[in-house]
Amino acid sequence: MSNSRSRTSPAAARRMLPLIRLMVGAVFLSEGVQKFLYPAMRGPGRFDDMGWPAPELLANFVGATEVVCGALILLGLYTRLAAAGTATIMMVAILTTKIPIWMGAGFGPFEVRELSQYGFWSMAHAMRTDWAMLLGSLVLIGAGAGPWSFDALSGREESRA
């Protein structure tokens, strides 16, 4: 017999983890690949525009981390560790590129592109994807890969599906 309670049980919620895992992994994998495919726009050029020291080294490090962690998350392999990497990337991105939008162009050591509007709502718009990826990463750190993952197959994750 099916009722609303059975559809929202912990086991039902756990079965949704692969969807979160696939979304988070795909976004990070694609963002990392783009840093190498479009270096002027997404990689070292962008990091240089933001005023980061050693932009080529840093952009390549972040890009490689996004590719590796994104692929591991997609596979559900060492998911919690990989999600810790993606959560760290998102926290640094929010602190260095989005909070300055809220506080104004002169906030902090990092340059913010010239915007027509600064403030809370401008920041909220700019960081909508960042929040989603940070939250998705935190869910994976806390809950793990879920069923249908290499972590579950290897016994690193308890599969309750």
C-alpha atoms as a PDB file:
ATOM      1  CA  MET A   1       0.000   0.000   0.000  1.00  0.00           C
ATOM      2  CA  SER A   2       1.429   3.357  -1.014  1.00  0.00           C
ATOM      3  CA  ASN A   3       0.875   6.608   0.805  1.00  0.00           C
ATOM      4  CA  SER A   4       2.639   9.950   0.990  1.00  0.00           C
ATOM      5  CA  ARG A   5       4.662   8.835   3.983  1.00  0.00           C
ATOM      6  CA  SER A   6       6.226   5.901   2.096  1.00  0.00           C
ATOM      7  CA  ARG A   7       7.263   8.196  -0.769  1.00  0.00           C
ATOM      8  CA  THR A   8       9.122  10.501   1.618  1.00  0.00           C
ATOM      9  CA  SER A   9      10.775   7.851   3.751  1.00  0.00           C
ATOM     10  CA  PRO A  10      14.531   7.914   4.353  1.00  0.00           C
ATOM     11  CA  ALA A  11      14.901   5.010   1.916  1.00  0.00           C
ATOM     12  CA  ALA A  12      13.017   6.936  -0.774  1.00  0.00           C
ATOM     13  CA  ALA A  13      15.153  10.013  -0.144  1.00  0.00           C
ATOM     14  CA  ARG A  14      18.303   7.878  -0.352  1.00  0.00           C
ATOM     15  CA  ARG A  15      17.231   6.606  -3.768  1.00  0.00           C
ATOM     16  CA  MET A  16      17.285  10.230  -4.979  1.00  0.00           C
ATOM     17  CA  LEU A  17      20.989  10.656  -4.131  1.00  0.00           C
ATOM     18  CA  PRO A  18      22.157   9.373  -7.527  1.00  0.00           C
ATOM     19  CA  LEU A  19      20.270  12.237  -9.199  1.00  0.00           C
ATOM     20  CA  ILE A  20      22.025  14.799  -6.999  1.00  0.00           C
ATOM     21  CA  ARG A  21      25.332  13.019  -7.547  1.00  0.00           C
ATOM     22  CA  LEU A  22      24.936  12.992 -11.332  1.00  0.00           C
ATOM     23  CA  MET A  23      23.993  16.676 -11.448  1.00  0.00           C
ATOM     24  CA  VAL A  24      26.867  17.810  -9.229  1.00  0.00           C
ATOM     25  CA  GLY A  25      29.401  15.585 -10.979  1.00  0.00           C
ATOM     26  CA  ALA A  26      28.346  16.664 -14.471  1.00  0.00           C
ATOM     27  CA  VAL A  27      28.523  20.375 -13.638  1.00  0.00           C
ATOM     28  CA  PHE A  28      31.995  20.138 -12.101  1.00  0.00           C
ATOM     29  CA  LEU A  29      33.341  17.885 -14.845  1.00  0.00           C
ATOM     30  CA  SER A  30      32.096  20.239 -17.574  1.00  0.00           C
ATOM     31  CA  GLU A  31      33.355  23.365 -15.785  1.00  0.00           C
ATOM     32  CA  GLY A  32      36.788  21.800 -15.355  1.00  0.00           C
ATOM     33  CA  VAL A  33      37.006  20.741 -18.998  1.00  0.00           C
ATOM     34  CA  GLN A  34      35.992  24.252 -20.101  1.00  0.00           C
ATOM     35  CA  LYS A  35      38.918  25.758 -18.180  1.00  0.00           C
ATOM     36  CA  PHE A  36      41.213  23.840 -20.541  1.00  0.00           C
ATOM     37  CA  LEU A  37      39.166  24.248 -23.737  1.00  0.00           C
ATOM     38  CA  TYR A  38      38.628  28.002 -23.323  1.00  0.00           C
ATOM     39  CA  PRO A  39      41.599  29.240 -21.277  1.00  0.00           C
ATOM     40  CA  ALA A  40      41.104  32.942 -22.048  1.00  0.00           C
ATOM     41  CA  MET A  41      37.453  32.915 -21.008  1.00  0.00           C
ATOM     42  CA  ARG A  42      37.243  30.217 -18.321  1.00  0.00           C
ATOM     43  CA  GLY A  43      40.812  29.391 -17.323  1.00  0.00           C
ATOM     44  CA  PRO A  44      43.964  31.441 -16.698  1.00  0.00           C
ATOM     45  CA  GLY A  45      42.559  34.474 -18.519  1.00  0.00           C
ATOM     46  CA  ARG A  46      39.599  34.645 -16.175  1.00  0.00           C
ATOM     47  CA  PHE A  47      41.748  34.089 -13.087  1.00  0.00           C
ATOM     48  CA  ASP A  48      44.095  36.850 -14.277  1.00  0.00           C
ATOM     49  CA  ASP A  49      41.131  39.219 -14.783  1.00  0.00           C
ATOM     50  CA  MET A  50      40.084  38.555 -11.182  1.00  0.00           C
ATOM     51  CA  GLY A  51      43.531  39.457  -9.892  1.00  0.00           C
ATOM     52  CA  TRP A  52      44.580  36.006  -8.682  1.00  0.00           C
ATOM     53  CA  PRO A  53      48.322  35.451  -8.252  1.00  0.00           C
ATOM     54  CA  ALA A  54      49.830  32.827 -10.594  1.00  0.00           C
ATOM     55  CA  PRO A  55      46.624  32.602 -12.653  1.00  0.00           C
ATOM     56  CA  GLU A  56      47.855  29.871 -14.995  1.00  0.00           C
ATOM     57  CA  LEU A  57      48.949  27.574 -12.182  1.00  0.00           C
ATOM     58  CA  LEU A  58      45.825  28.223 -10.133  1.00  0.00           C
ATOM     59  CA  ALA A  59      43.364  27.885 -13.037  1.00  0.00           C
ATOM     60  CA  ASN A  60      44.955  24.608 -14.121  1.00  0.00           C
ATOM     61  CA  PHE A  61      44.883  23.303 -10.540  1.00  0.00           C
ATOM     62  CA  VAL A  62      41.211  24.245 -10.096  1.00  0.00           C
ATOM     63  CA  GLY A  63      40.327  22.859 -13.540  1.00  0.00           C
ATOM     64  CA  ALA A  64      42.087  19.551 -12.878  1.00  0.00           C
ATOM     65  CA  THR A  65      40.439  19.307  -9.453  1.00  0.00           C
ATOM     66  CA  GLU A  66      37.013  19.926 -11.005  1.00  0.00           C
ATOM     67  CA  VAL A  67      37.609  17.282 -13.690  1.00  0.00           C
ATOM     68  CA  VAL A  68      38.877  14.631 -11.255  1.00  0.00           C
ATOM     69  CA  CYS A  69      36.319  15.332  -8.512  1.00  0.00           C
ATOM     70  CA  GLY A  70      33.485  15.662 -11.046  1.00  0.00           C
ATOM     71  CA  ALA A  71      34.357  12.306 -12.620  1.00  0.00           C
ATOM     72  CA  LEU A  72      34.655  10.590  -9.220  1.00  0.00           C
ATOM     73  CA  ILE A  73      31.298  12.011  -8.127  1.00  0.00           C
ATOM     74  CA  LEU A  74      29.655  10.890 -11.387  1.00  0.00           C
ATOM     75  CA  LEU A  75      30.950   7.370 -10.804  1.00  0.00           C
ATOM     76  CA  GLY A  76      30.084   7.411  -7.128  1.00  0.00           C
ATOM     77  CA  LEU A  77      33.690   6.541  -6.312  1.00  0.00           C
ATOM     78  CA  TYR A  78      35.255   8.136  -3.217  1.00  0.00           C
ATOM     79  CA  THR A  79      32.254  10.442  -3.355  1.00  0.00           C
ATOM     80  CA  ARG A  80      32.573  12.037   0.069  1.00  0.00           C
ATOM     81  CA  LEU A  81      36.234  12.908  -0.515  1.00  0.00           C
ATOM     82  CA  ALA A  82      35.541  14.266  -4.015  1.00  0.00           C
ATOM     83  CA  ALA A  83      32.568  16.284  -2.731  1.00  0.00           C
ATOM     84  CA  ALA A  84      34.819  17.815  -0.063  1.00  0.00           C
ATOM     85  CA  GLY A  85      37.014  19.041  -2.913  1.00  0.00           C
ATOM     86  CA  THR A  86      34.093  20.541  -4.828  1.00  0.00           C
ATOM     87  CA  ALA A  87      32.650  22.134  -1.675  1.00  0.00           C
ATOM     88  CA  THR A  88      36.016  23.772  -1.008  1.00  0.00           C
ATOM     89  CA  ILE A  89      36.144  25.146  -4.557  1.00  0.00           C
ATOM     90  CA  MET A  90      32.641  26.586  -4.168  1.00  0.00           C
ATOM     91  CA  MET A  91      33.348  28.193  -0.787  1.00  0.00           C
ATOM     92  CA  VAL A  92      36.459  29.895  -2.168  1.00  0.00           C
ATOM     93  CA  ALA A  93      34.539  31.009  -5.278  1.00  0.00           C
ATOM     94  CA  ILE A  94      31.717  32.482  -3.181  1.00  0.00           C
ATOM     95  CA  LEU A  95      34.080  34.285  -0.814  1.00  0.00           C
ATOM     96  CA  THR A  96      36.333  35.712  -3.510  1.00  0.00           C
ATOM     97  CA  THR A  97      33.988  36.412  -6.419  1.00  0.00           C
ATOM     98  CA  LYS A  98      30.436  36.709  -5.101  1.00  0.00           C
ATOM     99  CA  ILE A  99      30.685  38.350  -1.675  1.00  0.00           C
ATOM    100  CA  PRO A 100      32.585  41.291  -3.261  1.00  0.00           C
ATOM    101  CA  ILE A 101      29.571  41.810  -5.561  1.00  0.00           C
ATOM    102  CA  TRP A 102      27.444  42.255  -2.444  1.00  0.00           C
ATOM    103  CA  MET A 103      29.921  44.529  -0.681  1.00  0.00           C
ATOM    104  CA  GLY A 104      30.973  46.560  -3.720  1.00  0.00           C
ATOM    105  CA  ALA A 105      33.812  46.585  -6.227  1.00  0.00           C
ATOM    106  CA  GLY A 106      36.445  47.681  -3.705  1.00  0.00           C
ATOM    107  CA  PHE A 107      35.820  44.866  -1.204  1.00  0.00           C
ATOM    108  CA  GLY A 108      38.671  42.473  -0.498  1.00  0.00           C
ATOM    109  CA  PRO A 109      41.875  41.747  -2.377  1.00  0.00           C
ATOM    110  CA  PHE A 110      40.151  40.426  -5.515  1.00  0.00           C
ATOM    111  CA  GLU A 111      38.828  42.506  -8.365  1.00  0.00           C
ATOM    112  CA  VAL A 112      35.186  42.208  -9.344  1.00  0.00           C
ATOM    113  CA  ARG A 113      34.213  42.887 -12.905  1.00  0.00           C
ATOM    114  CA  GLU A 114      32.551  46.252 -13.418  1.00  0.00           C
ATOM    115  CA  LEU A 115      28.843  45.798 -12.784  1.00  0.00           C
ATOM    116  CA  SER A 116      25.953  48.151 -13.348  1.00  0.00           C
ATOM    117  CA  GLN A 117      24.618  47.190  -9.932  1.00  0.00           C
ATOM    118  CA  TYR A 118      26.155  45.877  -6.736  1.00  0.00           C
ATOM    119  CA  GLY A 119      24.381  44.680  -3.621  1.00  0.00           C
ATOM    120  CA  PHE A 120      22.549  41.705  -2.191  1.00  0.00           C
ATOM    121  CA  TRP A 121      20.212  40.986  -5.126  1.00  0.00           C
ATOM    122  CA  SER A 122      22.975  41.294  -7.692  1.00  0.00           C
ATOM    123  CA  MET A 123      25.071  38.874  -5.629  1.00  0.00           C
ATOM    124  CA  ALA A 124      22.122  36.486  -5.179  1.00  0.00           C
ATOM    125  CA  HIS A 125      21.648  36.369  -8.942  1.00  0.00           C
ATOM    126  CA  ALA A 126      25.369  35.857  -9.620  1.00  0.00           C
ATOM    127  CA  MET A 127      25.753  33.029  -7.108  1.00  0.00           C
ATOM    128  CA  ARG A 128      22.632  30.949  -7.727  1.00  0.00           C
ATOM    129  CA  THR A 129      24.610  28.128  -9.345  1.00  0.00           C
ATOM    130  CA  ASP A 130      27.376  28.402  -6.745  1.00  0.00           C
ATOM    131  CA  TRP A 131      24.864  27.888  -3.921  1.00  0.00           C
ATOM    132  CA  ALA A 132      23.315  24.899  -5.689  1.00  0.00           C
ATOM    133  CA  MET A 133      26.702  23.249  -6.253  1.00  0.00           C
ATOM    134  CA  LEU A 134      27.816  23.956  -2.683  1.00  0.00           C
ATOM    135  CA  LEU A 135      24.593  22.519  -1.273  1.00  0.00           C
ATOM    136  CA  GLY A 136      24.787  19.474  -3.565  1.00  0.00           C
ATOM    137  CA  SER A 137      28.383  18.870  -2.491  1.00  0.00           C
ATOM    138  CA  LEU A 138      27.454  19.175   1.195  1.00  0.00           C
ATOM    139  CA  VAL A 139      24.588  16.692   0.738  1.00  0.00           C
ATOM    140  CA  LEU A 140      27.022  14.210  -0.819  1.00  0.00           C
ATOM    141  CA  ILE A 141      29.528  14.723   2.001  1.00  0.00           C
ATOM    142  CA  GLY A 142      26.821  14.023   4.563  1.00  0.00           C
ATOM    143  CA  ALA A 143      24.835  11.290   2.829  1.00  0.00           C
ATOM    144  CA  GLY A 144      27.414   9.706   0.548  1.00  0.00           C
ATOM    145  CA  ALA A 145      26.943   8.443  -2.985  1.00  0.00           C
ATOM    146  CA  GLY A 146      23.790   6.478  -2.352  1.00  0.00           C
ATOM    147  CA  PRO A 147      22.821   3.276  -4.099  1.00  0.00           C
ATOM    148  CA  TRP A 148      23.916   2.557  -7.660  1.00  0.00           C
ATOM    149  CA  SER A 149      27.464   3.733  -7.072  1.00  0.00           C
ATOM    150  CA  PHE A 150      30.919   2.214  -6.928  1.00  0.00           C
ATOM    151  CA  ASP A 151      31.067   3.240  -3.271  1.00  0.00           C
ATOM    152  CA  ALA A 152      27.980   1.095  -2.583  1.00  0.00           C
ATOM    153  CA  LEU A 153      29.369  -1.818  -4.599  1.00  0.00           C
ATOM    154  CA  SER A 154      32.703  -1.716  -2.787  1.00  0.00           C
ATOM    155  CA  GLY A 155      31.124  -1.577   0.662  1.00  0.00           C
ATOM    156  CA  ARG A 156      32.362   1.957   1.395  1.00  0.00           C
ATOM    157  CA  GLU A 157      28.706   3.020   1.418  1.00  0.00           C
ATOM    158  CA  GLU A 158      25.981   1.156   3.164  1.00  0.00           C
ATOM    159  CA  SER A 159      23.334   0.606   0.496  1.00  0.00           C
ATOM    160  CA  ARG A 160      19.811   0.793   1.917  1.00  0.00           C
ATOM    161  CA  ALA A 161      17.916   1.063  -1.363  1.00  0.00           C
END
